[in-house]
């Protein structure tokens, strides 16, 4: 057989593979968009909307898996990002609602994208902490900090994961910085709240003394 015939024989196979790749990339982009929209909805306390978007994203991920099943050799980076964004959103909403972390098997997300999504969720919990501080809800802000610290403490010891996902080390470094500044924000608000309370108590005493005959 001539080389030309051999190459021509690959034509249809390659065409189908390219079509599969394009479809998987397109769907993965939609998953990323839906996951980001879900996170935004969560921060706006539109939980039902977030759940609907994440359910749609989950169905799309299953669709991608089905499309790619005949092509196990295809390594699509954007799909990994889609898993990561989806995991981040699901972790955020699960912890908010139940205070429990969903596992990677429960989310049907591969280990490395799950860990990267978990690391990224620290930033979202900081965002919630700042919003609670703005509203004067110190206890809830402290709870968000505890979640951030818990995630960081568990991720930072995963030395083996760093060789498989070098970006995880950078995310952990970023997380440490976020923990430090969030703790500072909480400490500042705690001091301000204590000072405000002391001033009110002093004002009440002065008013009581002035009111005595």
N, C-alpha and C. Protein backbone atom coordinates (compact mmCIF):
# COMPACT_ATOMS: atom_id res chain seq x y z
N UNK A 1 0.86 -1.20 0.00
CA UNK A 1 0.00 0.00 0.00
C UNK A 1 0.89 1.24 0.00
N UNK A 2 0.50 2.21 -0.83
CA UNK A 2 1.28 3.45 -0.90
C UNK A 2 1.06 4.30 0.34
N UNK A 3 2.01 5.15 0.61
CA UNK A 3 1.91 6.04 1.77
C UNK A 3 0.71 6.96 1.64
N UNK A 4 0.42 7.40 0.41
CA UNK A 4 -0.73 8.28 0.19
C UNK A 4 -2.02 7.61 0.64
N UNK A 5 -2.19 6.33 0.29
CA UNK A 5 -3.41 5.63 0.69
C UNK A 5 -3.48 5.48 2.21
N UNK A 6 -2.34 5.24 2.81
CA UNK A 6 -2.30 5.13 4.27
C UNK A 6 -2.75 6.44 4.92
N UNK A 7 -2.20 7.54 4.41
CA UNK A 7 -2.54 8.85 4.96
C UNK A 7 -4.01 9.19 4.70
N UNK A 8 -4.47 8.88 3.48
CA UNK A 8 -5.87 9.14 3.14
C UNK A 8 -6.81 8.35 4.05
N UNK A 9 -6.37 7.19 4.48
CA UNK A 9 -7.19 6.37 5.37
C UNK A 9 -7.40 7.00 6.72
N UNK A 10 -6.47 7.89 7.08
CA UNK A 10 -6.59 8.59 8.37
C UNK A 10 -7.54 9.78 8.30
N UNK A 11 -7.88 10.21 7.11
CA UNK A 11 -8.61 11.46 6.91
C UNK A 11 -9.92 11.51 7.68
N UNK A 12 -10.77 10.48 7.50
CA UNK A 12 -12.06 10.49 8.17
C UNK A 12 -11.91 10.39 9.69
N UNK A 13 -10.98 9.56 10.11
CA UNK A 13 -10.74 9.41 11.55
C UNK A 13 -10.33 10.74 12.18
N UNK A 14 -9.42 11.43 11.52
CA UNK A 14 -8.94 12.71 12.05
C UNK A 14 -10.04 13.77 12.03
N UNK A 15 -10.86 13.73 10.99
CA UNK A 15 -11.96 14.68 10.88
C UNK A 15 -12.95 14.49 12.04
N UNK A 16 -13.25 13.24 12.36
CA UNK A 16 -14.15 12.95 13.47
C UNK A 16 -13.53 13.36 14.81
N UNK A 17 -12.24 13.14 14.92
CA UNK A 17 -11.55 13.50 16.16
C UNK A 17 -11.56 15.00 16.37
N UNK A 18 -11.32 15.75 15.32
CA UNK A 18 -11.34 17.22 15.40
C UNK A 18 -12.73 17.71 15.79
N UNK A 19 -13.77 17.09 15.20
CA UNK A 19 -15.15 17.48 15.53
C UNK A 19 -15.43 17.19 17.01
N UNK A 20 -14.96 16.05 17.49
CA UNK A 20 -15.13 15.70 18.90
C UNK A 20 -14.43 16.72 19.79
N UNK A 21 -13.23 17.09 19.42
CA UNK A 21 -12.45 18.06 20.18
C UNK A 21 -13.17 19.41 20.23
N UNK A 22 -13.66 19.86 19.11
CA UNK A 22 -14.36 21.15 19.05
C UNK A 22 -15.62 21.14 19.91
N UNK A 23 -16.36 20.03 19.86
CA UNK A 23 -17.58 19.92 20.66
C UNK A 23 -17.25 19.93 22.16
N UNK A 24 -16.21 19.18 22.53
CA UNK A 24 -15.83 19.11 23.94
C UNK A 24 -15.38 20.46 24.47
N UNK A 25 -14.63 21.19 23.65
CA UNK A 25 -14.16 22.53 24.05
C UNK A 25 -15.33 23.49 24.21
N UNK A 26 -16.25 23.44 23.26
CA UNK A 26 -17.43 24.33 23.30
C UNK A 26 -18.26 24.09 24.56
N UNK A 27 -18.51 22.83 24.86
CA UNK A 27 -19.31 22.50 26.04
C UNK A 27 -18.56 22.87 27.32
N UNK A 28 -17.26 22.63 27.34
CA UNK A 28 -16.45 22.95 28.52
C UNK A 28 -16.51 24.44 28.82
N UNK A 29 -16.48 25.26 27.79
CA UNK A 29 -16.58 26.72 27.98
C UNK A 29 -17.92 27.09 28.61
N UNK A 30 -18.97 26.41 28.19
CA UNK A 30 -20.29 26.68 28.77
C UNK A 30 -20.33 26.29 30.24
N UNK A 31 -19.66 25.19 30.57
CA UNK A 31 -19.59 24.75 31.97
C UNK A 31 -18.88 25.80 32.82
N UNK A 32 -17.79 26.33 32.30
CA UNK A 32 -17.04 27.37 33.02
C UNK A 32 -17.91 28.59 33.26
N UNK A 33 -18.63 29.01 32.23
CA UNK A 33 -19.51 30.18 32.35
C UNK A 33 -20.61 29.92 33.39
N UNK A 34 -21.25 28.77 33.31
CA UNK A 34 -22.32 28.44 34.26
C UNK A 34 -21.79 28.39 35.69
N UNK A 35 -20.61 27.84 35.87
CA UNK A 35 -20.04 27.73 37.22
C UNK A 35 -19.73 29.10 37.80
N UNK A 36 -19.18 29.99 36.97
CA UNK A 36 -18.89 31.35 37.42
C UNK A 36 -20.18 32.10 37.75
N UNK A 37 -21.20 31.89 36.93
CA UNK A 37 -22.50 32.53 37.19
C UNK A 37 -23.11 32.00 38.47
N UNK A 38 -22.91 30.72 38.75
CA UNK A 38 -23.41 30.13 39.99
C UNK A 38 -22.75 30.76 41.20
N UNK A 39 -21.43 30.98 41.13
CA UNK A 39 -20.71 31.61 42.24
C UNK A 39 -21.24 33.02 42.49
N UNK A 40 -21.47 33.75 41.41
CA UNK A 40 -22.03 35.11 41.54
C UNK A 40 -23.41 35.07 42.19
N UNK A 41 -24.22 34.10 41.78
CA UNK A 41 -25.56 33.97 42.36
C UNK A 41 -25.48 33.63 43.85
N UNK A 42 -24.53 32.79 44.22
CA UNK A 42 -24.35 32.42 45.63
C UNK A 42 -24.05 33.67 46.46
N UNK A 43 -23.16 34.51 45.97
CA UNK A 43 -22.79 35.72 46.71
C UNK A 43 -23.95 36.71 46.80
N UNK A 44 -24.91 36.56 45.90
CA UNK A 44 -26.09 37.43 45.94
C UNK A 44 -27.25 36.76 46.65
N UNK A 45 -26.95 35.63 47.31
CA UNK A 45 -27.96 34.86 48.06
C UNK A 45 -29.08 34.33 47.18
N UNK A 46 -28.77 34.08 45.91
CA UNK A 46 -29.74 33.47 45.00
C UNK A 46 -29.37 32.00 44.84
N UNK A 47 -29.58 31.26 45.91
CA UNK A 47 -29.11 29.88 45.98
C UNK A 47 -29.82 28.97 44.97
N UNK A 48 -31.12 29.13 44.83
CA UNK A 48 -31.86 28.29 43.87
C UNK A 48 -31.34 28.49 42.45
N UNK A 49 -31.06 29.73 42.10
CA UNK A 49 -30.52 30.03 40.78
C UNK A 49 -29.16 29.35 40.61
N UNK A 50 -28.34 29.42 41.65
CA UNK A 50 -27.02 28.79 41.60
C UNK A 50 -27.14 27.28 41.42
N UNK A 51 -28.06 26.67 42.14
CA UNK A 51 -28.25 25.22 42.04
C UNK A 51 -28.67 24.82 40.64
N UNK A 52 -29.55 25.61 40.05
CA UNK A 52 -30.02 25.30 38.69
C UNK A 52 -28.87 25.36 37.68
N UNK A 53 -28.03 26.37 37.84
CA UNK A 53 -26.90 26.53 36.92
C UNK A 53 -25.90 25.39 37.11
N UNK A 54 -25.67 24.98 38.34
CA UNK A 54 -24.73 23.89 38.60
C UNK A 54 -25.28 22.54 38.14
N UNK A 55 -26.59 22.38 38.21
CA UNK A 55 -27.19 21.15 37.70
C UNK A 55 -27.02 21.08 36.19
N UNK A 56 -27.20 22.23 35.53
CA UNK A 56 -27.00 22.29 34.09
C UNK A 56 -25.54 22.01 33.74
N UNK A 57 -24.64 22.56 34.53
CA UNK A 57 -23.21 22.34 34.31
C UNK A 57 -22.84 20.87 34.48
N UNK A 58 -23.42 20.24 35.49
CA UNK A 58 -23.15 18.81 35.74
C UNK A 58 -23.60 17.96 34.57
N UNK A 59 -24.76 18.27 34.03
CA UNK A 59 -25.26 17.52 32.87
C UNK A 59 -24.35 17.71 31.65
N UNK A 60 -23.82 18.92 31.51
CA UNK A 60 -22.91 19.18 30.40
C UNK A 60 -21.60 18.43 30.55
N UNK A 61 -21.11 18.32 31.78
CA UNK A 61 -19.88 17.56 32.02
C UNK A 61 -20.08 16.09 31.66
N UNK A 62 -21.25 15.56 31.99
CA UNK A 62 -21.55 14.17 31.61
C UNK A 62 -21.59 14.03 30.09
N UNK A 63 -22.10 15.05 29.44
CA UNK A 63 -22.17 15.04 27.98
C UNK A 63 -20.76 15.02 27.38
N UNK A 64 -19.87 15.81 27.94
CA UNK A 64 -18.48 15.83 27.46
C UNK A 64 -17.83 14.47 27.66
N UNK A 65 -18.07 13.88 28.84
CA UNK A 65 -17.48 12.57 29.12
C UNK A 65 -17.94 11.51 28.12
N UNK A 66 -19.21 11.60 27.75
CA UNK A 66 -19.76 10.66 26.77
C UNK A 66 -19.11 10.87 25.40
N UNK A 67 -18.97 12.14 25.02
CA UNK A 67 -18.36 12.48 23.73
C UNK A 67 -16.92 11.98 23.66
N UNK A 68 -16.20 12.11 24.78
CA UNK A 68 -14.78 11.79 24.78
C UNK A 68 -14.48 10.31 25.04
N UNK A 69 -15.47 9.57 25.48
CA UNK A 69 -15.23 8.16 25.85
C UNK A 69 -14.57 7.35 24.73
N UNK A 70 -14.90 7.58 23.45
CA UNK A 70 -14.21 6.81 22.39
C UNK A 70 -12.81 7.34 22.09
N UNK A 71 -12.43 8.46 22.75
CA UNK A 71 -11.15 9.10 22.46
C UNK A 71 -10.37 9.34 23.77
N UNK A 72 -9.99 8.28 24.47
CA UNK A 72 -9.30 8.43 25.75
C UNK A 72 -7.93 9.10 25.63
N UNK A 73 -7.40 9.17 24.41
CA UNK A 73 -6.09 9.77 24.22
C UNK A 73 -6.13 11.29 24.17
N UNK A 74 -7.33 11.85 24.01
CA UNK A 74 -7.45 13.31 23.94
C UNK A 74 -7.29 13.93 25.33
N UNK A 75 -6.37 14.87 25.44
CA UNK A 75 -6.13 15.56 26.70
C UNK A 75 -6.52 17.02 26.50
N UNK A 76 -7.68 17.40 27.05
CA UNK A 76 -8.22 18.74 26.81
C UNK A 76 -8.07 19.60 28.06
N UNK A 77 -7.19 20.58 27.98
CA UNK A 77 -6.90 21.41 29.14
C UNK A 77 -8.13 22.19 29.62
N UNK A 78 -8.93 22.70 28.69
CA UNK A 78 -10.08 23.49 29.08
C UNK A 78 -11.12 22.66 29.84
N UNK A 79 -11.14 21.35 29.59
CA UNK A 79 -12.05 20.49 30.34
C UNK A 79 -11.60 20.42 31.80
N UNK A 80 -10.30 20.39 32.01
CA UNK A 80 -9.78 20.38 33.38
C UNK A 80 -10.19 21.66 34.11
N UNK A 81 -10.15 22.77 33.39
CA UNK A 81 -10.56 24.05 33.98
C UNK A 81 -12.05 24.03 34.28
N UNK A 82 -12.83 23.42 33.39
CA UNK A 82 -14.27 23.32 33.60
C UNK A 82 -14.57 22.52 34.87
N UNK A 83 -13.88 21.39 35.05
CA UNK A 83 -14.03 20.60 36.27
C UNK A 83 -13.66 21.44 37.50
N UNK A 84 -12.58 22.18 37.38
CA UNK A 84 -12.08 22.99 38.49
C UNK A 84 -13.09 24.06 38.90
N UNK A 85 -13.64 24.78 37.93
CA UNK A 85 -14.61 25.84 38.21
C UNK A 85 -15.89 25.26 38.80
N UNK A 86 -16.29 24.12 38.26
CA UNK A 86 -17.49 23.45 38.76
C UNK A 86 -17.29 23.00 40.20
N UNK A 87 -16.13 22.39 40.48
CA UNK A 87 -15.83 21.93 41.84
C UNK A 87 -15.82 23.09 42.82
N UNK A 88 -15.22 24.21 42.42
CA UNK A 88 -15.16 25.39 43.28
C UNK A 88 -16.56 25.85 43.68
N UNK A 89 -17.44 25.95 42.70
CA UNK A 89 -18.80 26.41 42.96
C UNK A 89 -19.57 25.42 43.84
N UNK A 90 -19.42 24.13 43.56
CA UNK A 90 -20.12 23.11 44.34
C UNK A 90 -19.62 23.06 45.78
N UNK A 91 -18.32 23.21 45.97
CA UNK A 91 -17.76 23.23 47.32
C UNK A 91 -18.31 24.42 48.09
N UNK A 92 -18.33 25.57 47.45
CA UNK A 92 -18.82 26.79 48.09
C UNK A 92 -20.26 26.64 48.56
N UNK A 93 -21.13 26.20 47.67
CA UNK A 93 -22.55 26.11 48.02
C UNK A 93 -22.80 25.00 49.04
N UNK A 94 -22.04 23.91 48.96
CA UNK A 94 -22.24 22.80 49.89
C UNK A 94 -21.85 23.19 51.31
N UNK A 95 -20.71 23.86 51.44
CA UNK A 95 -20.26 24.28 52.77
C UNK A 95 -21.20 25.32 53.36
N UNK A 96 -21.69 26.23 52.53
CA UNK A 96 -22.62 27.26 53.00
C UNK A 96 -23.90 26.62 53.53
N UNK A 97 -24.39 25.62 52.81
CA UNK A 97 -25.67 25.01 53.18
C UNK A 97 -25.55 23.96 54.27
N UNK A 98 -24.48 23.18 54.25
CA UNK A 98 -24.40 22.03 55.17
C UNK A 98 -23.18 22.04 56.08
N UNK A 99 -22.23 22.95 55.82
CA UNK A 99 -20.95 23.00 56.54
C UNK A 99 -20.12 21.74 56.30
N UNK A 100 -20.44 21.01 55.24
CA UNK A 100 -19.70 19.79 54.89
C UNK A 100 -19.08 19.95 53.50
N UNK A 101 -17.92 19.32 53.31
CA UNK A 101 -17.25 19.38 52.02
C UNK A 101 -17.65 18.17 51.17
N UNK A 102 -18.09 18.41 49.94
CA UNK A 102 -18.36 17.28 49.04
C UNK A 102 -17.04 16.70 48.54
N UNK A 103 -16.96 15.39 48.42
CA UNK A 103 -15.74 14.77 47.92
C UNK A 103 -15.67 14.80 46.41
N UNK A 104 -14.52 14.48 45.86
CA UNK A 104 -14.35 14.50 44.41
C UNK A 104 -15.22 13.44 43.74
N UNK A 105 -15.36 12.27 44.39
CA UNK A 105 -16.20 11.21 43.82
C UNK A 105 -17.66 11.63 43.81
N UNK A 106 -18.08 12.31 44.86
CA UNK A 106 -19.46 12.79 44.95
C UNK A 106 -19.76 13.78 43.83
N UNK A 107 -18.78 14.60 43.49
CA UNK A 107 -18.97 15.60 42.43
C UNK A 107 -18.65 15.04 41.05
N UNK A 108 -18.07 13.82 41.01
CA UNK A 108 -17.63 13.21 39.75
C UNK A 108 -16.60 14.10 39.06
N UNK A 109 -15.67 14.60 39.87
CA UNK A 109 -14.60 15.46 39.36
C UNK A 109 -13.26 14.79 39.65
N UNK A 110 -12.35 14.74 38.69
CA UNK A 110 -11.02 14.15 38.92
C UNK A 110 -10.28 14.84 40.07
N UNK A 111 -9.35 14.13 40.66
CA UNK A 111 -8.68 14.59 41.87
C UNK A 111 -8.00 15.95 41.73
N UNK A 112 -7.17 16.12 40.72
CA UNK A 112 -6.40 17.36 40.60
C UNK A 112 -7.30 18.58 40.36
N UNK A 113 -8.25 18.53 39.42
CA UNK A 113 -9.16 19.68 39.28
C UNK A 113 -9.95 19.96 40.57
N UNK A 114 -10.29 18.88 41.31
CA UNK A 114 -11.00 19.07 42.57
C UNK A 114 -10.13 19.86 43.55
N UNK A 115 -8.86 19.46 43.67
CA UNK A 115 -7.95 20.14 44.61
C UNK A 115 -7.73 21.60 44.21
N UNK A 116 -7.62 21.84 42.92
CA UNK A 116 -7.43 23.22 42.45
C UNK A 116 -8.69 24.06 42.70
N UNK A 117 -9.84 23.46 42.49
CA UNK A 117 -11.10 24.16 42.78
C UNK A 117 -11.24 24.43 44.26
N UNK A 118 -10.83 23.47 45.08
CA UNK A 118 -10.87 23.63 46.53
C UNK A 118 -9.99 24.80 46.96
N UNK A 119 -8.80 24.88 46.39
CA UNK A 119 -7.88 25.98 46.70
C UNK A 119 -8.48 27.32 46.30
N UNK A 120 -9.11 27.37 45.13
CA UNK A 120 -9.71 28.62 44.65
C UNK A 120 -10.90 29.04 45.51
N UNK A 121 -11.57 28.09 46.14
CA UNK A 121 -12.74 28.44 46.95
C UNK A 121 -12.36 29.30 48.16
N UNK A 122 -11.09 29.26 48.55
CA UNK A 122 -10.64 30.09 49.66
C UNK A 122 -10.90 31.57 49.38
N UNK A 123 -10.66 31.97 48.14
CA UNK A 123 -10.92 33.36 47.76
C UNK A 123 -12.38 33.73 47.85
N UNK A 124 -13.25 32.77 47.54
CA UNK A 124 -14.70 33.04 47.62
C UNK A 124 -15.17 33.13 49.07
N UNK A 125 -14.56 32.32 49.94
CA UNK A 125 -14.92 32.42 51.35
C UNK A 125 -14.40 33.72 51.96
N UNK A 126 -13.28 34.22 51.47
CA UNK A 126 -12.82 35.54 51.92
C UNK A 126 -13.81 36.61 51.48
N UNK A 127 -14.29 36.49 50.27
CA UNK A 127 -15.27 37.46 49.76
C UNK A 127 -16.52 37.48 50.65
N UNK A 128 -16.95 36.30 51.07
CA UNK A 128 -18.11 36.23 51.98
C UNK A 128 -17.76 36.83 53.34
N UNK A 129 -16.55 36.57 53.81
CA UNK A 129 -16.13 37.12 55.11
C UNK A 129 -16.16 38.64 55.08
N UNK A 130 -15.67 39.23 54.01
CA UNK A 130 -15.66 40.69 53.90
C UNK A 130 -17.07 41.26 53.86
N UNK A 131 -17.96 40.54 53.17
CA UNK A 131 -19.35 41.00 53.10
C UNK A 131 -20.01 40.93 54.48
N UNK A 132 -19.71 39.88 55.22
CA UNK A 132 -20.26 39.78 56.58
C UNK A 132 -19.69 40.87 57.48
N UNK A 133 -18.42 41.19 57.33
CA UNK A 133 -17.82 42.27 58.12
C UNK A 133 -18.48 43.60 57.78
N UNK A 134 -18.75 43.81 56.52
CA UNK A 134 -19.41 45.05 56.09
C UNK A 134 -20.79 45.19 56.73
N UNK A 135 -21.45 44.04 56.93
CA UNK A 135 -22.78 44.06 57.53
C UNK A 135 -22.74 43.97 59.06
N UNK A 136 -21.52 43.90 59.61
CA UNK A 136 -21.40 43.83 61.06
C UNK A 136 -21.65 42.45 61.63
N UNK A 137 -21.60 41.42 60.79
CA UNK A 137 -21.83 40.04 61.23
C UNK A 137 -20.50 39.36 61.49
N UNK A 138 -19.90 39.71 62.63
CA UNK A 138 -18.55 39.27 62.94
C UNK A 138 -18.44 37.75 63.09
N UNK A 139 -19.41 37.14 63.75
CA UNK A 139 -19.37 35.70 63.98
C UNK A 139 -19.36 34.93 62.66
N UNK A 140 -20.18 35.36 61.72
CA UNK A 140 -20.23 34.68 60.42
C UNK A 140 -18.94 34.90 59.64
N UNK A 141 -18.34 36.07 59.78
CA UNK A 141 -17.06 36.33 59.13
C UNK A 141 -15.99 35.41 59.71
N UNK A 142 -16.02 35.24 61.01
CA UNK A 142 -15.05 34.35 61.66
C UNK A 142 -15.23 32.91 61.19
N UNK A 143 -16.48 32.50 60.97
CA UNK A 143 -16.75 31.16 60.48
C UNK A 143 -16.15 30.97 59.08
N UNK A 144 -16.26 31.98 58.24
CA UNK A 144 -15.67 31.90 56.90
C UNK A 144 -14.15 31.77 57.01
N UNK A 145 -13.56 32.51 57.93
CA UNK A 145 -12.11 32.42 58.13
C UNK A 145 -11.72 31.00 58.57
N UNK A 146 -12.50 30.41 59.44
CA UNK A 146 -12.22 29.05 59.90
C UNK A 146 -12.25 28.05 58.75
N UNK A 147 -13.21 28.24 57.84
CA UNK A 147 -13.29 27.36 56.65
C UNK A 147 -12.05 27.56 55.78
N UNK A 148 -11.66 28.82 55.56
CA UNK A 148 -10.47 29.12 54.78
C UNK A 148 -9.24 28.45 55.38
N UNK A 149 -9.09 28.59 56.69
CA UNK A 149 -7.94 28.03 57.39
C UNK A 149 -7.94 26.50 57.32
N UNK A 150 -9.12 25.91 57.41
CA UNK A 150 -9.25 24.45 57.33
C UNK A 150 -8.80 23.94 55.96
N UNK A 151 -9.26 24.60 54.91
CA UNK A 151 -8.89 24.20 53.55
C UNK A 151 -7.38 24.33 53.36
N UNK A 152 -6.84 25.47 53.75
CA UNK A 152 -5.41 25.70 53.57
C UNK A 152 -4.57 24.67 54.33
N UNK A 153 -4.96 24.41 55.56
CA UNK A 153 -4.20 23.47 56.41
C UNK A 153 -4.15 22.08 55.81
N UNK A 154 -5.23 21.67 55.15
CA UNK A 154 -5.27 20.35 54.54
C UNK A 154 -4.51 20.30 53.22
N UNK A 155 -4.57 21.38 52.45
CA UNK A 155 -3.92 21.40 51.14
C UNK A 155 -2.41 21.54 51.23
N UNK A 156 -1.94 22.30 52.21
CA UNK A 156 -0.53 22.64 52.26
C UNK A 156 0.36 21.43 52.52
N UNK A 157 -0.21 20.36 53.05
CA UNK A 157 0.60 19.17 53.35
C UNK A 157 0.63 18.17 52.19
N UNK A 158 -0.08 18.47 51.11
CA UNK A 158 -0.15 17.54 49.97
C UNK A 158 1.04 17.73 49.03
N UNK A 159 2.22 17.37 49.50
CA UNK A 159 3.43 17.56 48.71
C UNK A 159 3.38 16.81 47.38
N UNK A 160 2.79 15.61 47.37
CA UNK A 160 2.72 14.83 46.14
C UNK A 160 1.89 15.51 45.06
N UNK A 161 0.89 16.26 45.50
CA UNK A 161 0.02 16.94 44.52
C UNK A 161 0.77 18.05 43.80
N UNK A 162 1.78 18.63 44.44
CA UNK A 162 2.52 19.74 43.83
C UNK A 162 3.25 19.29 42.56
N UNK A 163 3.74 18.06 42.56
CA UNK A 163 4.45 17.58 41.37
C UNK A 163 3.48 17.28 40.23
N UNK A 164 2.23 16.94 40.57
CA UNK A 164 1.22 16.66 39.55
C UNK A 164 0.52 17.94 39.09
N UNK A 165 0.45 18.90 39.97
CA UNK A 165 -0.20 20.18 39.65
C UNK A 165 0.63 21.30 40.25
N UNK A 166 1.67 21.75 39.56
CA UNK A 166 2.56 22.80 40.09
C UNK A 166 1.81 24.08 40.49
N UNK A 167 0.70 24.35 39.80
CA UNK A 167 -0.05 25.57 40.12
C UNK A 167 -0.68 25.52 41.51
N UNK A 168 -0.79 24.32 42.08
CA UNK A 168 -1.39 24.20 43.41
C UNK A 168 -0.51 24.89 44.45
N UNK A 169 0.80 24.81 44.30
CA UNK A 169 1.70 25.47 45.25
C UNK A 169 1.46 26.98 45.24
N UNK A 170 1.33 27.55 44.03
CA UNK A 170 1.06 28.99 43.92
C UNK A 170 -0.28 29.34 44.56
N UNK A 171 -1.28 28.50 44.34
CA UNK A 171 -2.59 28.75 44.92
C UNK A 171 -2.53 28.70 46.44
N UNK A 172 -1.71 27.79 46.98
CA UNK A 172 -1.57 27.70 48.44
C UNK A 172 -0.85 28.92 48.99
N UNK A 173 0.14 29.43 48.23
CA UNK A 173 0.84 30.65 48.65
C UNK A 173 -0.14 31.83 48.67
N UNK A 174 -0.97 31.89 47.65
CA UNK A 174 -1.99 32.95 47.59
C UNK A 174 -2.97 32.80 48.75
N UNK A 175 -3.35 31.57 49.03
CA UNK A 175 -4.30 31.30 50.12
C UNK A 175 -3.74 31.75 51.47
N UNK A 176 -2.43 31.51 51.68
CA UNK A 176 -1.81 31.94 52.93
C UNK A 176 -1.90 33.46 53.08
N UNK A 177 -1.64 34.16 51.99
CA UNK A 177 -1.75 35.62 52.01
C UNK A 177 -3.18 36.06 52.32
N UNK A 178 -4.16 35.39 51.70
CA UNK A 178 -5.56 35.74 51.94
C UNK A 178 -5.95 35.49 53.39
N UNK A 179 -5.41 34.42 53.96
CA UNK A 179 -5.67 34.13 55.37
C UNK A 179 -5.12 35.24 56.26
N UNK A 180 -3.92 35.68 55.97
CA UNK A 180 -3.28 36.71 56.79
C UNK A 180 -4.06 38.03 56.75
N UNK A 181 -4.45 38.46 55.56
CA UNK A 181 -5.15 39.74 55.47
C UNK A 181 -6.58 39.63 55.99
N UNK A 182 -7.20 38.45 55.83
CA UNK A 182 -8.55 38.27 56.37
C UNK A 182 -8.53 38.29 57.88
N UNK A 183 -7.52 37.65 58.47
CA UNK A 183 -7.38 37.68 59.93
C UNK A 183 -7.19 39.11 60.41
N UNK A 184 -6.42 39.88 59.65
CA UNK A 184 -6.23 41.29 60.00
C UNK A 184 -7.53 42.07 59.92
N UNK A 185 -8.32 41.80 58.88
CA UNK A 185 -9.62 42.48 58.73
C UNK A 185 -10.54 42.16 59.91
N UNK A 186 -10.55 40.89 60.30
CA UNK A 186 -11.40 40.47 61.41
C UNK A 186 -10.92 41.08 62.72
N UNK A 187 -9.60 41.12 62.92
CA UNK A 187 -9.05 41.71 64.14
C UNK A 187 -9.40 43.19 64.24
N UNK A 188 -9.30 43.88 63.10
CA UNK A 188 -9.64 45.31 63.07
C UNK A 188 -11.11 45.53 63.42
N UNK A 189 -11.98 44.71 62.83
CA UNK A 189 -13.41 44.84 63.10
C UNK A 189 -13.73 44.47 64.55
N UNK A 190 -13.04 43.47 65.09
CA UNK A 190 -13.25 43.08 66.48
C UNK A 190 -12.89 44.22 67.41
N UNK A 191 -11.76 44.88 67.15
CA UNK A 191 -11.32 46.01 67.97
C UNK A 191 -12.30 47.17 67.85
N UNK A 192 -12.73 47.44 66.61
CA UNK A 192 -13.68 48.54 66.39
C UNK A 192 -14.99 48.28 67.11
N UNK A 193 -15.47 47.03 67.03
CA UNK A 193 -16.71 46.66 67.68
C UNK A 193 -16.60 46.77 69.19
N UNK A 194 -15.46 46.32 69.74
CA UNK A 194 -15.25 46.39 71.19
C UNK A 194 -15.18 47.84 71.66
N UNK A 195 -14.50 48.68 70.87
CA UNK A 195 -14.40 50.10 71.21
C UNK A 195 -15.77 50.78 71.17
N UNK A 196 -16.54 50.45 70.14
CA UNK A 196 -17.87 51.02 70.01
C UNK A 196 -18.75 50.62 71.19
N UNK A 197 -18.64 49.37 71.60
CA UNK A 197 -19.42 48.88 72.73
C UNK A 197 -19.00 49.59 74.02
N UNK A 198 -17.67 49.78 74.21
CA UNK A 198 -17.17 50.44 75.41
C UNK A 198 -17.65 51.89 75.47
N UNK A 199 -17.64 52.57 74.31
CA UNK A 199 -18.10 53.96 74.26
C UNK A 199 -19.58 54.06 74.61
N UNK A 200 -20.37 53.14 74.11
CA UNK A 200 -21.80 53.14 74.42
C UNK A 200 -22.04 52.91 75.91
N UNK A 201 -21.26 51.98 76.49
CA UNK A 201 -21.41 51.71 77.92
C UNK A 201 -21.02 52.94 78.74
N UNK A 202 -19.92 53.60 78.33
CA UNK A 202 -19.49 54.81 79.04
C UNK A 202 -20.52 55.92 78.90
N UNK A 203 -21.06 56.07 77.72
CA UNK A 203 -22.08 57.09 77.48
C UNK A 203 -23.31 56.82 78.34
N UNK A 204 -23.67 55.53 78.46
CA UNK A 204 -24.82 55.17 79.29
C UNK A 204 -24.57 55.51 80.76
N UNK A 205 -23.34 55.26 81.24
CA UNK A 205 -23.01 55.57 82.63
C UNK A 205 -23.05 57.07 82.89
N UNK A 206 -22.48 57.84 81.93
CA UNK A 206 -22.48 59.28 82.09
C UNK A 206 -23.89 59.83 82.13
N UNK A 207 -24.73 59.28 81.24
CA UNK A 207 -26.14 59.72 81.19
C UNK A 207 -26.84 59.37 82.49
N UNK A 208 -26.53 58.20 83.04
CA UNK A 208 -27.16 57.77 84.31
C UNK A 208 -26.74 58.67 85.45
N UNK A 209 -25.43 59.02 85.47
CA UNK A 209 -24.93 59.88 86.55
C UNK A 209 -25.56 61.26 86.47
N UNK A 210 -25.67 61.79 85.26
CA UNK A 210 -26.28 63.12 85.08
C UNK A 210 -27.74 63.12 85.49
N UNK A 211 -28.36 61.98 85.37
CA UNK A 211 -29.78 61.89 85.68
C UNK A 211 -30.07 61.76 87.16
N UNK A 212 -28.99 61.52 87.97
CA UNK A 212 -29.22 61.37 89.42
C UNK A 212 -29.53 62.71 90.05
N UNK A 213 -30.40 62.72 91.08
CA UNK A 213 -30.76 63.99 91.75
C UNK A 213 -29.59 64.53 92.57
